């Protein structure tokens, strides 16, 4: 499965890359939603893991664009919440179409489990 990671925090991207690659999936990274959407248009990832608070194009806008342009793409949203806390953004992300939501700091095993569950949704029976 192809997985696109969008996060402005390089350390978070590196951690998520490691988790996704260990799970046996291909990974591409973007530092914001604008770059991520350009990559998605070329690469067509099956799963996007996106931060919410990012420069240039934030995660909520990105989730909306993904739902419009790539309705089959699975989405995991993560957020530390900035100044107001993740509880302000993550329910909105879910309403916009994120399949799973996680607060930062997240547990790697929970992200891995979500990736496996979402990958299984695409697997032929």
N, C-alpha and C. Protein backbone atom coordinates (compact mmCIF):
# COMPACT_ATOMS: atom_id res chain seq x y z
N UNK A 1 0.85 -1.18 0.00
CA UNK A 1 0.00 0.00 0.00
C UNK A 1 0.89 1.24 0.00
N UNK A 2 0.46 2.25 -0.70
CA UNK A 2 1.18 3.53 -0.71
C UNK A 2 0.62 4.44 0.37
N UNK A 3 1.53 5.02 1.16
CA UNK A 3 1.14 5.89 2.27
C UNK A 3 1.84 7.23 2.12
N UNK A 4 1.07 8.30 2.15
CA UNK A 4 1.59 9.66 2.09
C UNK A 4 1.48 10.28 3.47
N UNK A 5 2.61 10.76 4.00
CA UNK A 5 2.65 11.38 5.32
C UNK A 5 2.81 12.88 5.14
N UNK A 6 1.88 13.66 5.71
CA UNK A 6 1.94 15.12 5.65
C UNK A 6 2.07 15.66 7.07
N UNK A 7 3.21 16.26 7.37
CA UNK A 7 3.43 16.86 8.70
C UNK A 7 4.59 17.83 8.57
N UNK A 8 4.46 19.00 9.19
CA UNK A 8 5.54 19.98 9.13
C UNK A 8 6.67 19.65 10.09
N UNK A 9 6.48 18.70 10.99
CA UNK A 9 7.50 18.29 11.94
C UNK A 9 8.30 17.13 11.35
N UNK A 10 9.56 17.40 11.03
CA UNK A 10 10.41 16.40 10.38
C UNK A 10 10.58 15.14 11.24
N UNK A 11 10.65 15.31 12.56
CA UNK A 11 10.81 14.15 13.45
C UNK A 11 9.57 13.26 13.44
N UNK A 12 8.40 13.87 13.41
CA UNK A 12 7.16 13.09 13.33
C UNK A 12 7.10 12.34 12.01
N UNK A 13 7.46 13.03 10.91
CA UNK A 13 7.47 12.35 9.61
C UNK A 13 8.43 11.16 9.62
N UNK A 14 9.61 11.34 10.20
CA UNK A 14 10.60 10.26 10.24
C UNK A 14 10.08 9.08 11.06
N UNK A 15 9.44 9.37 12.19
CA UNK A 15 8.88 8.31 13.03
C UNK A 15 7.79 7.56 12.28
N UNK A 16 6.88 8.30 11.68
CA UNK A 16 5.79 7.66 10.94
C UNK A 16 6.32 6.88 9.75
N UNK A 17 7.32 7.41 9.06
CA UNK A 17 7.93 6.69 7.94
C UNK A 17 8.45 5.34 8.40
N UNK A 18 9.16 5.34 9.52
CA UNK A 18 9.72 4.11 10.05
C UNK A 18 8.62 3.09 10.35
N UNK A 19 7.56 3.54 11.00
CA UNK A 19 6.44 2.65 11.35
C UNK A 19 5.80 2.08 10.09
N UNK A 20 5.54 2.93 9.11
CA UNK A 20 4.86 2.51 7.89
C UNK A 20 5.75 1.55 7.08
N UNK A 21 7.04 1.84 7.00
CA UNK A 21 7.94 0.97 6.25
C UNK A 21 8.11 -0.39 6.93
N UNK A 22 8.16 -0.39 8.26
CA UNK A 22 8.24 -1.66 9.00
C UNK A 22 7.01 -2.51 8.70
N UNK A 23 5.87 -1.85 8.54
CA UNK A 23 4.63 -2.56 8.21
C UNK A 23 4.60 -3.03 6.75
N UNK A 24 5.63 -2.69 5.98
CA UNK A 24 5.75 -3.18 4.61
C UNK A 24 5.12 -2.32 3.54
N UNK A 25 4.90 -1.04 3.84
CA UNK A 25 4.25 -0.16 2.88
C UNK A 25 5.24 0.86 2.30
N UNK A 26 4.91 1.36 1.11
CA UNK A 26 5.69 2.43 0.48
C UNK A 26 5.32 3.76 1.12
N UNK A 27 6.30 4.68 1.22
CA UNK A 27 6.05 5.96 1.88
C UNK A 27 6.55 7.12 1.03
N UNK A 28 5.79 8.19 1.05
CA UNK A 28 6.21 9.47 0.51
C UNK A 28 5.85 10.52 1.56
N UNK A 29 6.65 11.58 1.65
CA UNK A 29 6.45 12.59 2.69
C UNK A 29 6.25 13.97 2.09
N UNK A 30 5.49 14.79 2.83
CA UNK A 30 5.30 16.20 2.48
C UNK A 30 5.28 17.02 3.76
N UNK A 31 5.81 18.24 3.70
CA UNK A 31 5.89 19.08 4.89
C UNK A 31 4.64 19.94 5.11
N UNK A 32 3.69 19.90 4.17
CA UNK A 32 2.44 20.63 4.34
C UNK A 32 1.38 20.07 3.38
N UNK A 33 0.17 20.52 3.56
CA UNK A 33 -0.93 20.02 2.74
C UNK A 33 -0.84 20.40 1.28
N UNK A 34 -0.31 21.57 0.99
CA UNK A 34 -0.19 22.00 -0.41
C UNK A 34 0.74 21.07 -1.18
N UNK A 35 1.92 20.83 -0.62
CA UNK A 35 2.87 19.91 -1.25
C UNK A 35 2.30 18.50 -1.27
N UNK A 36 1.66 18.12 -0.17
CA UNK A 36 1.07 16.79 -0.08
C UNK A 36 0.01 16.53 -1.15
N UNK A 37 -0.84 17.50 -1.40
CA UNK A 37 -1.87 17.33 -2.43
C UNK A 37 -1.24 17.21 -3.81
N UNK A 38 -0.18 17.98 -4.08
CA UNK A 38 0.51 17.87 -5.36
C UNK A 38 1.09 16.46 -5.52
N UNK A 39 1.69 15.93 -4.46
CA UNK A 39 2.24 14.57 -4.51
C UNK A 39 1.12 13.54 -4.67
N UNK A 40 0.01 13.75 -4.00
CA UNK A 40 -1.11 12.80 -4.09
C UNK A 40 -1.65 12.75 -5.52
N UNK A 41 -1.70 13.88 -6.18
CA UNK A 41 -2.20 13.91 -7.56
C UNK A 41 -1.30 13.10 -8.48
N UNK A 42 -0.01 13.04 -8.18
CA UNK A 42 0.93 12.27 -9.00
C UNK A 42 1.03 10.81 -8.56
N UNK A 43 1.05 10.59 -7.25
CA UNK A 43 1.43 9.29 -6.68
C UNK A 43 0.24 8.43 -6.30
N UNK A 44 -0.91 9.02 -5.99
CA UNK A 44 -2.14 8.31 -5.66
C UNK A 44 -1.97 7.32 -4.50
N UNK A 45 -1.65 7.84 -3.33
CA UNK A 45 -1.53 7.00 -2.13
C UNK A 45 -2.89 6.44 -1.75
N UNK A 46 -2.89 5.24 -1.20
CA UNK A 46 -4.12 4.62 -0.69
C UNK A 46 -4.49 5.16 0.68
N UNK A 47 -3.46 5.61 1.43
CA UNK A 47 -3.65 6.13 2.78
C UNK A 47 -2.85 7.41 2.94
N UNK A 48 -3.48 8.41 3.54
CA UNK A 48 -2.79 9.66 3.88
C UNK A 48 -2.85 9.83 5.39
N UNK A 49 -1.69 10.09 5.98
CA UNK A 49 -1.61 10.45 7.39
C UNK A 49 -1.27 11.93 7.42
N UNK A 50 -2.16 12.74 7.96
CA UNK A 50 -1.95 14.19 7.93
C UNK A 50 -2.05 14.83 9.30
N UNK A 51 -1.14 15.76 9.53
CA UNK A 51 -1.22 16.63 10.69
C UNK A 51 -2.34 17.64 10.41
N UNK A 52 -2.81 18.30 11.44
CA UNK A 52 -3.83 19.32 11.26
C UNK A 52 -3.21 20.71 11.16
N UNK A 53 -2.34 21.06 12.08
CA UNK A 53 -1.73 22.39 12.10
C UNK A 53 -0.44 22.36 11.28
N UNK A 54 -0.49 22.93 10.06
CA UNK A 54 0.66 22.99 9.15
C UNK A 54 0.64 24.32 8.42
N UNK A 55 1.81 24.78 7.97
CA UNK A 55 1.85 26.00 7.16
C UNK A 55 1.34 25.75 5.74
N UNK A 56 1.04 26.82 5.04
CA UNK A 56 0.63 26.85 3.63
C UNK A 56 -0.75 26.26 3.37
N UNK A 57 -0.99 25.02 3.78
CA UNK A 57 -2.33 24.44 3.67
C UNK A 57 -2.48 23.49 4.84
N UNK A 58 -3.38 23.85 5.75
CA UNK A 58 -3.52 23.05 6.98
C UNK A 58 -4.31 21.77 6.71
N UNK A 59 -4.35 20.92 7.72
CA UNK A 59 -4.90 19.58 7.56
C UNK A 59 -6.39 19.50 7.30
N UNK A 60 -7.19 20.37 7.91
CA UNK A 60 -8.63 20.31 7.68
C UNK A 60 -8.96 20.62 6.22
N UNK A 61 -8.31 21.63 5.69
CA UNK A 61 -8.49 21.97 4.27
C UNK A 61 -8.02 20.81 3.39
N UNK A 62 -6.92 20.20 3.78
CA UNK A 62 -6.37 19.07 3.03
C UNK A 62 -7.31 17.87 3.05
N UNK A 63 -7.88 17.58 4.21
CA UNK A 63 -8.83 16.46 4.31
C UNK A 63 -10.04 16.70 3.40
N UNK A 64 -10.54 17.93 3.39
CA UNK A 64 -11.66 18.26 2.51
C UNK A 64 -11.30 18.06 1.04
N UNK A 65 -10.10 18.49 0.66
CA UNK A 65 -9.64 18.32 -0.72
C UNK A 65 -9.47 16.84 -1.07
N UNK A 66 -8.91 16.08 -0.14
CA UNK A 66 -8.75 14.64 -0.38
C UNK A 66 -10.10 13.97 -0.58
N UNK A 67 -11.09 14.31 0.22
CA UNK A 67 -12.41 13.69 0.10
C UNK A 67 -13.03 14.02 -1.27
N UNK A 68 -12.84 15.27 -1.73
CA UNK A 68 -13.41 15.67 -3.02
C UNK A 68 -12.69 14.99 -4.19
N UNK A 69 -11.35 15.02 -4.17
CA UNK A 69 -10.58 14.53 -5.31
C UNK A 69 -10.28 13.03 -5.27
N UNK A 70 -10.16 12.48 -4.09
CA UNK A 70 -9.75 11.08 -3.93
C UNK A 70 -10.64 10.40 -2.88
N UNK A 71 -11.92 10.22 -3.19
CA UNK A 71 -12.85 9.72 -2.17
C UNK A 71 -12.51 8.33 -1.64
N UNK A 72 -11.75 7.54 -2.38
CA UNK A 72 -11.39 6.19 -1.92
C UNK A 72 -10.20 6.19 -0.96
N UNK A 73 -9.45 7.29 -0.91
CA UNK A 73 -8.26 7.36 -0.07
C UNK A 73 -8.64 7.35 1.40
N UNK A 74 -7.96 6.51 2.16
CA UNK A 74 -8.16 6.46 3.61
C UNK A 74 -7.34 7.57 4.25
N UNK A 75 -7.84 8.12 5.37
CA UNK A 75 -7.17 9.25 6.02
C UNK A 75 -7.05 9.01 7.51
N UNK A 76 -5.84 9.24 8.02
CA UNK A 76 -5.59 9.28 9.46
C UNK A 76 -5.17 10.71 9.77
N UNK A 77 -5.85 11.36 10.71
CA UNK A 77 -5.50 12.72 11.13
C UNK A 77 -4.86 12.68 12.51
N UNK A 78 -3.78 13.45 12.66
CA UNK A 78 -3.10 13.57 13.95
C UNK A 78 -2.96 15.05 14.28
N UNK A 79 -3.03 15.38 15.58
CA UNK A 79 -2.89 16.78 15.96
C UNK A 79 -2.46 16.92 17.41
N UNK A 80 -1.57 17.88 17.61
CA UNK A 80 -1.23 18.31 18.96
C UNK A 80 -2.13 19.46 19.37
N UNK A 81 -2.83 20.03 18.40
CA UNK A 81 -3.86 21.02 18.66
C UNK A 81 -3.43 22.46 18.71
N UNK A 82 -2.14 22.74 18.61
CA UNK A 82 -1.72 24.13 18.69
C UNK A 82 -2.09 24.74 20.02
N UNK A 83 -2.57 25.97 20.01
CA UNK A 83 -2.88 26.68 21.25
C UNK A 83 -4.18 26.25 21.91
N UNK A 84 -5.09 25.66 21.13
CA UNK A 84 -6.40 25.34 21.69
C UNK A 84 -6.59 23.88 22.06
N UNK A 85 -5.67 23.02 21.66
CA UNK A 85 -5.78 21.60 21.99
C UNK A 85 -6.39 20.79 20.87
N UNK A 86 -6.00 19.51 20.76
CA UNK A 86 -6.48 18.67 19.67
C UNK A 86 -7.97 18.42 19.68
N UNK A 87 -8.59 18.53 20.86
CA UNK A 87 -10.03 18.27 20.93
C UNK A 87 -10.83 19.27 20.11
N UNK A 88 -10.23 20.40 19.76
CA UNK A 88 -10.92 21.40 18.94
C UNK A 88 -10.90 21.02 17.46
N UNK A 89 -9.88 20.30 17.02
CA UNK A 89 -9.70 20.03 15.59
C UNK A 89 -10.04 18.61 15.17
N UNK A 90 -9.71 17.63 15.99
CA UNK A 90 -9.86 16.25 15.55
C UNK A 90 -11.31 15.83 15.28
N UNK A 91 -12.30 16.27 16.08
CA UNK A 91 -13.68 15.92 15.71
C UNK A 91 -14.09 16.52 14.36
N UNK A 92 -13.60 17.70 14.06
CA UNK A 92 -13.88 18.32 12.75
C UNK A 92 -13.23 17.50 11.65
N UNK A 93 -12.00 17.04 11.89
CA UNK A 93 -11.31 16.20 10.91
C UNK A 93 -12.13 14.94 10.62
N UNK A 94 -12.68 14.36 11.66
CA UNK A 94 -13.50 13.16 11.48
C UNK A 94 -14.78 13.50 10.71
N UNK A 95 -15.40 14.62 11.02
CA UNK A 95 -16.60 15.04 10.30
C UNK A 95 -16.31 15.27 8.82
N UNK A 96 -15.10 15.74 8.51
CA UNK A 96 -14.72 15.99 7.13
C UNK A 96 -14.35 14.72 6.37
N UNK A 97 -14.15 13.62 7.11
CA UNK A 97 -13.90 12.35 6.43
C UNK A 97 -12.68 11.57 6.87
N UNK A 98 -11.98 12.01 7.91
CA UNK A 98 -10.85 11.22 8.41
C UNK A 98 -11.39 9.91 9.00
N UNK A 99 -10.74 8.80 8.65
CA UNK A 99 -11.18 7.49 9.12
C UNK A 99 -10.74 7.21 10.55
N UNK A 100 -9.59 7.74 10.94
CA UNK A 100 -9.07 7.59 12.30
C UNK A 100 -8.46 8.92 12.73
N UNK A 101 -8.53 9.22 14.03
CA UNK A 101 -7.93 10.45 14.57
C UNK A 101 -7.09 10.10 15.79
N UNK A 102 -5.96 10.80 15.93
CA UNK A 102 -5.05 10.58 17.06
C UNK A 102 -4.51 11.91 17.55
N UNK A 103 -4.38 12.02 18.87
CA UNK A 103 -3.74 13.19 19.45
C UNK A 103 -2.24 12.94 19.56
N UNK A 104 -1.47 14.01 19.43
CA UNK A 104 -0.02 13.93 19.67
C UNK A 104 0.21 14.24 21.14
N UNK A 105 1.10 13.56 21.80
CA UNK A 105 1.87 12.43 21.27
C UNK A 105 0.99 11.19 21.14
N UNK A 106 1.16 10.48 20.05
CA UNK A 106 0.38 9.26 19.81
C UNK A 106 1.23 8.04 20.13
N UNK A 107 0.56 6.92 20.28
CA UNK A 107 1.26 5.65 20.51
C UNK A 107 1.48 4.99 19.16
N UNK A 108 2.72 4.62 18.90
CA UNK A 108 3.09 4.03 17.61
C UNK A 108 2.26 2.78 17.32
N UNK A 109 2.03 1.95 18.33
CA UNK A 109 1.28 0.72 18.09
C UNK A 109 -0.17 1.01 17.70
N UNK A 110 -0.74 2.11 18.19
CA UNK A 110 -2.11 2.47 17.80
C UNK A 110 -2.16 2.94 16.34
N UNK A 111 -1.15 3.70 15.93
CA UNK A 111 -1.08 4.13 14.53
C UNK A 111 -0.91 2.91 13.63
N UNK A 112 -0.02 2.01 14.02
CA UNK A 112 0.23 0.80 13.23
C UNK A 112 -1.05 -0.04 13.11
N UNK A 113 -1.78 -0.18 14.19
CA UNK A 113 -3.03 -0.93 14.15
C UNK A 113 -4.03 -0.27 13.21
N UNK A 114 -4.13 1.06 13.26
CA UNK A 114 -5.04 1.77 12.37
C UNK A 114 -4.64 1.58 10.91
N UNK A 115 -3.34 1.62 10.63
CA UNK A 115 -2.86 1.39 9.26
C UNK A 115 -3.26 0.00 8.79
N UNK A 116 -3.07 -0.99 9.64
CA UNK A 116 -3.41 -2.37 9.28
C UNK A 116 -4.91 -2.52 9.05
N UNK A 117 -5.72 -1.91 9.90
CA UNK A 117 -7.18 -1.99 9.74
C UNK A 117 -7.63 -1.32 8.44
N UNK A 118 -7.07 -0.15 8.14
CA UNK A 118 -7.46 0.56 6.92
C UNK A 118 -6.96 -0.16 5.68
N UNK A 119 -5.78 -0.77 5.75
CA UNK A 119 -5.26 -1.56 4.63
C UNK A 119 -6.16 -2.76 4.38
N UNK A 120 -6.66 -3.38 5.45
CA UNK A 120 -7.53 -4.55 5.32
C UNK A 120 -8.86 -4.18 4.65
N UNK A 121 -9.29 -2.94 4.81
CA UNK A 121 -10.54 -2.49 4.18
C UNK A 121 -10.42 -2.51 2.66
N UNK A 122 -9.19 -2.33 2.14
CA UNK A 122 -8.96 -2.32 0.70
C UNK A 122 -8.61 -3.69 0.14
N UNK A 123 -8.29 -4.64 1.03
CA UNK A 123 -7.85 -5.95 0.57
C UNK A 123 -9.01 -6.72 -0.05
N UNK A 124 -8.74 -7.42 -1.17
CA UNK A 124 -9.80 -8.24 -1.76
C UNK A 124 -10.15 -9.41 -0.84
N UNK A 125 -11.40 -9.80 -0.85
CA UNK A 125 -11.84 -10.91 0.03
C UNK A 125 -11.46 -12.25 -0.54
